[in-house]
Each structure stands twice: as structure tokens, then as C-alpha cells.
Protein backbone atom coordinates (compact mmCIF):
# COMPACT_ATOMS: atom_id res chain seq x y z
CA MET A 1 -43.38 -64.48 -22.24
CA THR A 2 -41.30 -61.63 -23.64
CA ASN A 3 -43.91 -59.07 -22.63
CA TYR A 4 -43.90 -60.44 -19.11
CA THR A 5 -40.12 -60.21 -18.75
CA ASN A 6 -40.15 -56.71 -20.24
CA MET A 7 -42.82 -55.72 -17.77
CA LEU A 8 -40.78 -57.14 -14.89
CA ARG A 9 -37.67 -55.25 -16.06
CA MET A 10 -39.60 -52.00 -16.32
CA ASN A 11 -41.13 -52.56 -12.89
CA GLU A 12 -37.69 -53.25 -11.41
CA LYS A 13 -36.29 -50.16 -13.11
CA VAL A 14 -39.07 -47.95 -11.68
CA CYS A 15 -38.57 -49.48 -8.23
CA GLU A 16 -34.81 -48.82 -8.42
CA GLU A 17 -35.44 -45.19 -9.41
CA LYS A 18 -37.75 -44.80 -6.43
CA ARG A 19 -35.12 -46.32 -4.14
CA ILE A 20 -32.47 -43.94 -5.45
CA LEU A 21 -34.79 -40.97 -5.02
CA ALA A 22 -35.67 -41.95 -1.45
CA ILE A 23 -32.07 -42.61 -0.40
CA ASP A 24 -30.80 -39.41 -2.01
CA THR A 25 -33.50 -37.41 -0.26
CA ILE A 26 -32.65 -38.97 3.10
CA ARG A 27 -28.93 -38.27 2.64
CA ARG A 28 -29.61 -34.69 1.54
CA MET A 29 -31.75 -34.09 4.61
CA VAL A 30 -29.00 -35.48 6.86
CA ARG A 31 -26.41 -33.30 5.11
CA ASP A 32 -28.60 -30.18 5.43
CA ASN A 33 -29.25 -30.96 9.10
CA GLU A 34 -33.01 -31.17 8.52
CA GLN A 35 -35.21 -33.24 10.76
CA ILE A 36 -36.13 -36.48 9.02
CA THR A 37 -39.74 -37.56 9.28
CA ILE A 38 -41.74 -39.90 7.11
CA CYS A 39 -44.25 -37.14 6.51
CA GLU A 40 -41.55 -34.80 5.18
CA LEU A 41 -40.05 -37.58 3.05
CA THR A 42 -43.41 -38.33 1.45
CA LYS A 43 -43.89 -34.64 0.67
CA GLN A 44 -40.46 -34.26 -0.89
CA THR A 45 -40.39 -37.50 -2.87
CA GLY A 46 -44.04 -38.17 -3.66
CA LEU A 47 -43.60 -41.75 -2.49
CA SER A 48 -46.01 -43.48 -0.12
CA ARG A 49 -45.40 -43.92 3.59
CA SER A 50 -45.46 -47.69 3.21
CA PHE A 51 -42.62 -47.51 0.67
CA PHE A 52 -40.26 -46.22 3.36
CA TYR A 53 -41.27 -49.02 5.72
CA LYS A 54 -41.51 -51.95 3.29
CA ASN A 55 -38.44 -51.37 1.10
CA ALA A 56 -35.54 -52.97 2.98
CA LEU A 57 -32.72 -50.80 1.60
CA VAL A 58 -34.62 -47.56 2.11
CA ASN A 59 -35.72 -48.61 5.59
CA MET A 60 -32.12 -49.42 6.58
CA GLU A 61 -30.95 -46.02 5.29
CA LEU A 62 -33.80 -44.29 7.09
CA ASN A 63 -33.06 -46.03 10.40
CA ALA A 64 -29.35 -45.23 10.10
CA ALA A 65 -30.15 -41.57 9.43
CA LEU A 66 -32.56 -41.40 12.37
CA LYS A 67 -29.93 -42.93 14.68
CA ALA A 68 -27.37 -40.42 13.44
CA GLN A 69 -29.73 -37.56 14.21
CA GLN A 70 -30.53 -38.62 17.77
CA GLY A 71 -29.55 -35.94 20.25
CA LYS A 72 -28.80 -33.32 17.60
CA ILE A 73 -30.54 -30.00 17.36
CA LEU A 74 -32.20 -30.03 13.97
CA SER A 75 -34.04 -27.48 11.93
CA SER A 76 -37.07 -27.91 9.75
CA LYS A 77 -38.27 -25.77 6.88
CA ARG A 78 -41.09 -24.56 9.12
CA ASP A 79 -38.60 -23.40 11.75
CA LYS A 80 -36.52 -21.57 9.14
CA LYS A 81 -39.60 -19.75 7.82
CA LEU A 82 -40.69 -18.82 11.33
CA ASN A 83 -37.21 -17.49 12.13
CA GLU A 84 -37.22 -15.36 8.98
CA ALA A 85 -40.66 -14.00 9.83
CA LEU A 86 -39.57 -13.22 13.38
CA LYS A 87 -36.47 -11.40 12.14
CA GLU A 88 -38.63 -9.29 9.84
CA THR A 89 -41.01 -8.52 12.71
CA VAL A 90 -38.12 -7.48 14.95
CA LYS A 91 -36.76 -5.21 12.21
CA LEU A 92 -40.14 -3.51 11.81
CA GLN A 93 -40.45 -3.09 15.57
CA LYS A 94 -36.98 -1.53 15.79
CA ASP A 95 -37.92 0.94 13.07
CA GLU A 96 -41.11 1.80 14.94
CA ILE A 97 -39.16 2.28 18.19
CA GLU A 98 -36.75 4.65 16.43
CA LYS A 99 -39.67 6.68 15.04
CA LEU A 100 -41.24 6.88 18.48
CA ARG A 101 -37.95 8.00 20.06
CA MET A 102 -37.63 10.79 17.52
CA GLU A 103 -41.23 11.82 18.18
CA LYS A 104 -40.56 11.76 21.92
CA SER A 105 -37.49 13.98 21.59
CA ARG A 106 -39.42 16.40 19.36
CA LEU A 107 -42.27 16.57 21.86
CA THR A 108 -39.87 16.98 24.79
CA PHE A 109 -38.24 19.90 23.02
CA GLU A 110 -41.66 21.40 22.30
CA ILE A 111 -42.67 21.07 25.98
CA LYS A 112 -39.47 22.79 27.10
CA ARG A 113 -40.04 25.56 24.60
CA LEU A 114 -43.61 26.09 25.79
CA LYS A 115 -42.58 26.07 29.47
CA ASN A 116 -39.83 28.57 28.72
CA GLU A 117 -42.27 30.71 26.79
CA GLN A 118 -44.76 30.57 29.66
CA GLN A 119 -42.14 31.48 32.28
CA ASN A 120 -40.70 34.37 30.30
CA GLY A 121 -44.01 35.60 29.02
CA LEU A 122 -42.63 35.55 25.48
CA ASP A 123 -44.53 34.43 22.46
CA TYR A 124 -42.10 32.45 20.28
CA SER A 125 -44.74 31.95 17.65
CA LEU A 126 -44.48 35.67 16.81
CA ILE A 127 -40.70 35.42 16.60
CA GLU A 128 -40.94 32.40 14.32
CA LYS A 129 -43.23 34.31 11.95
CA LEU A 130 -40.63 37.07 11.54
């Protein structure tokens, strides 16, 4: 009988730890303005989907959090990563644009120099060698 009661206590203790983990994760996601989904909760906690539906306290917390998030613009980790990647892409494109502008101005100057050389009949390449 003692083993049985010890086993029940241990089982209750594990269940309480899972409840605390689930509720803390839900509250953290609400605080961080992350979109709450069962899929994301299972990834972050390692608990099963059914745990979030069957456990009454966790389910109440989950429903309250989902109601609180209705109508809000939320961000997910995926969105944050995509935004960072897009910012990096934009930065690289701006650098490329600047390089191309410099190349364009260099080529424009070269064209003017060649036209001037052609009109005046001068050979600037000889002058540059001196």
C-alpha cells in the first residue's frame, strides 16, 4: 500500500510540474506578444497536444490567453527570422546599388573623356603616360 501511495504522490508531482511548465510557457508567450498555438506549445514544452486539451487548469489558461490575443497583431519566431533575413538582404542590395552607382559615375566620366578626346583630336593616353 505504501508503494502505491508513493507512486500516486510521484505521479501527482510530475503532473503538477507539467502544469507549471505549460502555464509558464503560455504566460511567457503572451508577455512576449508571440502567437499562441498548440503546435508551438508542444514544441517549446515537450508536452503532448492532448495535455493542453485534457488538463482543466492548463486549458482554462490557454483559452484565456487566446481570448486576450484576439484582434492583436502578433509575431512568431518564424516572422522574426524572416524579417531579419529580409533586412540583411536589403542591406546587401543597398551595398550593391552603391557599387553600381560608383561604377556608373566612373563610366560616365570615361565616356565624357573619350568624347572630349575625339572632338579635340587629343590623345589623353599619351598625356597620362608622361
